[in-house]
Every structure is written in C-alpha cells, then in structure tokens.
Protein backbone atom coordinates (compact mmCIF):
# COMPACT_ATOMS: atom_id res chain seq x y z
CA UNK A 1 8.79 -2.08 -10.61
CA UNK A 2 11.99 -1.39 -12.45
CA UNK A 3 11.26 2.17 -12.57
CA UNK A 4 10.70 2.10 -8.63
CA UNK A 5 14.56 0.84 -8.36
CA UNK A 6 15.75 3.17 -10.90
CA UNK A 7 14.06 6.06 -9.37
CA UNK A 8 15.26 5.27 -6.22
CA UNK A 9 19.03 5.17 -7.33
CA UNK A 10 18.36 8.15 -9.41
CA UNK A 11 17.09 10.14 -6.52
CA UNK A 12 20.22 9.32 -4.19
CA UNK A 13 22.53 10.11 -6.97
CA UNK A 14 20.83 13.77 -7.52
CA UNK A 15 21.28 14.61 -3.71
CA UNK A 16 24.84 13.29 -3.76
CA UNK A 17 25.57 15.54 -6.77
CA UNK A 18 24.01 18.59 -4.99
CA UNK A 19 25.95 17.88 -1.98
CA UNK A 20 23.37 16.94 0.39
CA UNK A 21 22.40 13.34 1.78
CA UNK A 22 19.51 12.09 3.79
CA UNK A 23 20.35 9.29 6.35
CA UNK A 24 20.39 5.90 5.39
CA UNK A 25 18.21 4.78 2.42
CA UNK A 26 15.98 7.89 2.83
CA UNK A 27 17.85 9.68 0.16
CA UNK A 28 16.27 7.34 -2.22
CA UNK A 29 12.71 8.13 -1.35
CA UNK A 30 12.71 11.64 -0.36
CA UNK A 31 12.09 12.81 -3.96
CA UNK A 32 8.75 11.01 -3.79
CA UNK A 33 8.53 9.67 -7.26
CA UNK A 34 9.60 5.98 -6.96
CA UNK A 35 5.79 4.98 -6.85
CA UNK A 36 4.83 6.79 -9.84
CA UNK A 37 4.73 4.15 -12.11
CA UNK A 38 2.98 1.64 -10.04
CA UNK A 39 0.31 4.30 -9.00
CA UNK A 40 -0.02 5.00 -12.75
CA UNK A 41 -0.90 1.37 -13.58
CA UNK A 42 -3.35 1.52 -10.85
CA UNK A 43 -4.93 4.41 -12.45
CA UNK A 44 -5.27 2.69 -15.62
CA UNK A 45 -7.07 -0.34 -14.12
CA UNK A 46 -9.70 1.90 -12.72
CA UNK A 47 -10.24 3.87 -15.75
CA UNK A 48 -10.45 0.55 -17.88
CA UNK A 49 -12.92 -0.33 -15.26
CA UNK A 50 -14.92 2.79 -16.72
CA UNK A 51 -14.08 5.71 -14.49
CA UNK A 52 -13.28 9.07 -15.97
CA UNK A 53 -9.88 10.78 -15.44
CA UNK A 54 -11.81 13.30 -13.38
CA UNK A 55 -12.96 10.72 -10.94
CA UNK A 56 -9.09 9.45 -10.20
CA UNK A 57 -6.95 11.38 -8.17
CA UNK A 58 -3.14 10.43 -7.83
CA UNK A 59 -1.07 13.67 -7.68
CA UNK A 60 -3.18 16.17 -5.92
CA UNK A 61 -6.46 16.51 -3.94
CA UNK A 62 -5.57 13.40 -2.05
CA UNK A 63 -6.54 14.10 1.37
CA UNK A 64 -9.43 12.38 3.25
CA UNK A 65 -10.77 13.54 6.68
CA UNK A 66 -9.97 11.32 9.54
CA UNK A 67 -11.58 10.42 13.06
CA UNK A 68 -8.29 10.72 15.25
CA UNK A 69 -6.72 13.37 13.14
CA UNK A 70 -7.86 15.95 10.72
CA UNK A 71 -6.88 14.35 7.51
CA UNK A 72 -4.65 11.69 5.77
CA UNK A 73 -3.23 11.87 2.30
CA UNK A 74 -3.68 8.67 0.25
CA UNK A 75 -1.89 7.54 -2.91
CA UNK A 76 -4.77 7.07 -5.09
CA UNK A 77 -8.62 8.12 -4.56
CA UNK A 78 -11.51 7.27 -6.58
CA UNK A 79 -14.27 9.65 -6.06
CA UNK A 80 -17.60 9.73 -8.15
CA UNK A 81 -20.60 12.19 -7.57
CA UNK A 82 -19.28 12.82 -3.80
CA UNK A 83 -18.95 9.15 -3.42
CA UNK A 84 -15.79 7.72 -2.19
CA UNK A 85 -15.38 4.64 -4.14
CA UNK A 86 -11.77 3.59 -3.46
CA UNK A 87 -8.50 4.60 -1.61
CA UNK A 88 -5.30 2.88 -2.03
CA UNK A 89 -2.02 2.97 -0.01
CA UNK A 90 1.15 1.85 -1.90
CA UNK A 91 4.14 1.20 0.52
CA UNK A 92 7.54 -0.25 0.31
CA UNK A 93 10.37 -1.55 2.70
CA UNK A 94 13.91 -2.08 1.29
CA UNK A 95 17.10 -2.91 3.06
CA UNK A 96 19.26 -2.77 5.01
CA UNK A 97 17.18 -2.40 8.14
CA UNK A 98 13.87 -4.39 8.42
CA UNK A 99 13.51 -4.84 12.01
CA UNK A 100 11.99 -1.56 13.59
CA UNK A 101 10.46 -0.53 10.11
CA UNK A 102 8.64 -3.99 9.90
CA UNK A 103 6.79 -3.03 13.30
CA UNK A 104 6.09 0.64 12.27
CA UNK A 105 4.76 -0.43 8.90
CA UNK A 106 2.32 -3.01 10.55
CA UNK A 107 1.13 -0.06 13.39
CA UNK A 108 0.74 2.38 10.48
CA UNK A 109 -1.22 -0.10 8.40
CA UNK A 110 -3.73 -0.94 11.17
CA UNK A 111 -3.97 2.80 12.35
CA UNK A 112 -4.83 4.15 8.89
CA UNK A 113 -7.60 1.47 8.21
CA UNK A 114 -9.09 2.18 11.62
CA UNK A 115 -9.06 5.87 11.42
CA UNK A 116 -10.61 5.76 7.93
CA UNK A 117 -13.62 3.46 8.75
CA UNK A 118 -14.39 5.24 12.06
CA UNK A 119 -14.40 8.33 10.01
CA UNK A 120 -16.70 6.74 7.55
CA UNK A 121 -18.91 5.31 10.16
CA UNK A 122 -19.41 8.91 11.64
CA UNK A 123 -20.18 10.23 8.22
CA UNK A 124 -16.91 12.43 7.56
CA UNK A 125 -16.73 10.68 3.92
CA UNK A 126 -19.80 11.71 2.23
CA UNK A 127 -22.87 9.80 1.14
CA UNK A 128 -22.54 6.37 0.13
CA UNK A 129 -23.94 3.79 -2.44
CA UNK A 130 -21.91 1.11 -1.40
CA UNK A 131 -19.00 1.23 1.01
CA UNK A 132 -15.46 2.28 -0.57
CA UNK A 133 -12.90 -0.40 -1.26
CA UNK A 134 -9.78 0.29 0.82
CA UNK A 135 -6.54 -1.21 -0.65
CA UNK A 136 -2.94 -1.61 0.59
CA UNK A 137 -0.27 -2.86 -2.08
CA UNK A 138 3.05 -3.66 -0.34
CA UNK A 139 6.52 -3.92 -1.90
CA UNK A 140 9.38 -5.66 -0.01
CA UNK A 141 12.80 -6.07 -1.26
CA UNK A 142 13.64 -9.40 -2.02
CA UNK A 143 17.01 -10.24 -0.35
CA UNK A 144 18.39 -12.94 2.12
CA UNK A 145 17.49 -11.03 5.04
CA UNK A 146 13.88 -11.01 4.30
CA UNK A 147 13.59 -14.87 4.11
CA UNK A 148 15.74 -15.61 7.36
CA UNK A 149 13.90 -17.14 10.46
CA UNK A 150 13.76 -14.69 13.24
CA UNK A 151 13.79 -15.00 16.99
CA UNK A 152 10.77 -13.72 18.99
CA UNK A 153 11.02 -12.11 22.13
CA UNK A 154 8.59 -13.59 24.77
CA UNK A 155 9.58 -12.55 28.19
CA UNK A 156 6.05 -12.76 29.65
CA UNK A 157 3.94 -14.67 27.18
CA UNK A 158 4.37 -16.55 23.91
CA UNK A 159 3.55 -14.98 20.60
CA UNK A 160 1.02 -16.33 18.11
CA UNK A 161 2.05 -19.42 16.55
CA UNK A 162 2.31 -18.17 12.94
CA UNK A 163 5.01 -15.84 14.00
CA UNK A 164 7.21 -18.41 15.42
CA UNK A 165 10.51 -18.42 13.52
CA UNK A 166 8.72 -16.68 10.76
CA UNK A 167 10.64 -14.50 8.36
CA UNK A 168 10.10 -11.01 7.52
CA UNK A 169 8.46 -11.95 4.39
CA UNK A 170 6.21 -14.40 6.27
CA UNK A 171 5.29 -11.63 8.84
CA UNK A 172 4.32 -9.35 6.13
CA UNK A 173 2.26 -12.15 4.66
CA UNK A 174 0.29 -12.60 7.89
CA UNK A 175 -0.02 -8.85 8.58
CA UNK A 176 -1.79 -8.53 5.35
CA UNK A 177 -3.90 -11.56 5.27
CA UNK A 178 -5.20 -10.73 8.75
CA UNK A 179 -5.90 -7.19 7.83
CA UNK A 180 -8.18 -8.58 5.22
CA UNK A 181 -9.57 -11.01 7.53
CA UNK A 182 -10.56 -8.22 10.02
CA UNK A 183 -12.10 -6.35 6.99
CA UNK A 184 -9.74 -3.41 7.47
CA UNK A 185 -8.73 -3.72 3.70
CA UNK A 186 -10.66 -5.15 1.11
CA UNK A 187 -7.92 -5.62 -1.74
CA UNK A 188 -4.09 -6.28 -0.35
CA UNK A 189 -0.97 -7.06 -2.72
CA UNK A 190 2.38 -8.32 -1.34
CA UNK A 191 5.09 -8.20 -3.86
CA UNK A 192 8.63 -9.48 -3.44
CA UNK A 193 11.17 -7.39 -5.81
CA UNK A 194 15.09 -7.89 -6.22
CA UNK A 195 16.98 -4.87 -6.27
CA UNK A 196 18.67 -5.82 -9.60
CA UNK A 197 18.36 -4.93 -13.31
CA UNK A 198 16.24 -6.57 -14.30
CA UNK A 199 14.21 -7.04 -11.35
CA UNK A 200 12.75 -10.09 -10.56
CA UNK A 201 9.33 -10.38 -8.73
CA UNK A 202 7.57 -13.05 -6.93
CA UNK A 203 4.29 -13.36 -5.00
CA UNK A 204 4.72 -15.87 -2.22
CA UNK A 205 0.99 -15.77 -1.25
CA UNK A 206 -1.55 -16.72 -4.05
CA UNK A 207 -4.23 -14.54 -2.46
CA UNK A 208 -2.04 -11.54 -2.56
CA UNK A 209 -0.89 -11.39 -6.13
CA UNK A 210 -1.03 -8.16 -7.97
CA UNK A 211 -3.29 -9.49 -10.44
CA UNK A 212 -5.76 -10.62 -7.83
CA UNK A 213 -5.33 -6.98 -6.21
CA UNK A 214 -5.99 -5.36 -9.82
CA UNK A 215 -9.03 -7.81 -10.17
CA UNK A 216 -10.81 -6.89 -6.82
CA UNK A 217 -10.36 -3.14 -7.48
CA UNK A 218 -11.57 -3.18 -11.00
CA UNK A 219 -14.66 -5.36 -10.06
CA UNK A 220 -15.50 -3.02 -7.18
CA UNK A 221 -15.25 -0.12 -9.67
CA UNK A 222 -17.60 -2.02 -12.04
CA UNK A 223 -20.06 -2.96 -9.23
CA UNK A 224 -20.30 0.54 -8.03
CA UNK A 225 -20.74 1.93 -11.56
CA UNK A 226 -23.41 -0.42 -12.17
CA UNK A 227 -25.35 0.79 -9.07
CA UNK A 228 -24.97 4.35 -9.68
CA UNK A 229 -25.66 6.95 -12.50
CA UNK A 230 -22.56 8.71 -13.05
CA UNK A 231 -22.38 12.17 -14.17
C-alpha cells in the first residue's frame, strides 16, 4: 500500500516535470503503475497455491470476451489448460472528490460482473471444470470525508435503510457485501488506507479483509488444481 501512494505521487511529479498535467488527481494514475505491487502480491498468493507462472497473467493478455461488449481487460487472470480459474479487479478511490465517483464505481462493478457471467453462460469463456472465482479488491483513501454521514436525495421514494445517513465508507461496504450476496463476486476486499508515510491500513468489515480475500483466492486455486490434472 505504501508503494500505491508513493507511485501516485511520483507519477504526478513526473508529469509536472515534463510540463504537462492531467485534470485533478488523474495525473497520479495515468502512468498505470500504482497498483503493481498489490497485483504482484496477489500473483504470489496464486503461485503459492500451486499455479505455475505461465498460468498467471498480470501485465499482458488480460482480455476476456464479454457479452454486452467485445472484451474487458482485467488486472489478474488465472487460466489453466483453457480453463478460466480466476479473474480479479483492483480498484481504488482517493479524494478530494468522492460523490460522483462512488456512483460510477458501483455501476462499473455491477456491470463488469454481469457482463462476465453472461458471457460465461453463453460459453464465451471456454470449457470449465468449476466456475471461476471473480474477485474485487477495493482501496479507499481513509480520511475525514469518507466517514462523514451523507444526506440522501429522496424526491419520490425512500432509499434502502442501510444507506440512510451512511458515509462513503459504509456505502462501499454495503456495495461489496451485496455483490457477494448476489454472487456477482466470490471474493471481495475493502481496504481503507491513509495517504501518509507510513500509511495506516484498516478493514472496517471483518468479512472483507485482505486476509480473507487471499484465503478465498488461495482456496479456490487449490480446489481447482485438486480436480484438474494440470499440464
């Protein structure tokens, strides 16, 4: 996580030194390197579960066909003998703007899962021994703004009671919990991290810690390998 923050700062500094700058915080992520160490950690978990390096994709050949669109690029894929074993998304949101971005993240997470599972149902994702694990690991900047109770717009109907005066951190927690409840994703993680050096990490939901996420991923890999003679 420290690499995540350091890389974001370095990317913004490189843009400024080169005389160019993206709008807002975009300059901190356009280099595309800030998630590298987190993705590498997930790769280590998959490898330790028994997969070979050739089964794990993290920098290239990350596209999977969709149903509502031609393809979608994931952050980590595990494929063994033409079997899709796991597909993982790593996403983050940092300040200062949380409002519209939070809604966009929710729509994106639901849409990505729906697209993949429909493509899976239609046979676009190859043969299958067991259904793949679809994972979603989310990082939220831990600051005062994400813990402040929020008002709800209810001009016609009342919102779900769990969202009444819920903060952004609580909204994300309910989003991820319901994504698992509806079987859109089989493993989720919600990590809150302060933008500081050293960063401080917390997991407000015991069922969404990184340890549990890693355990679910590792267990799925081991279960798959136990049912499949791997070449």
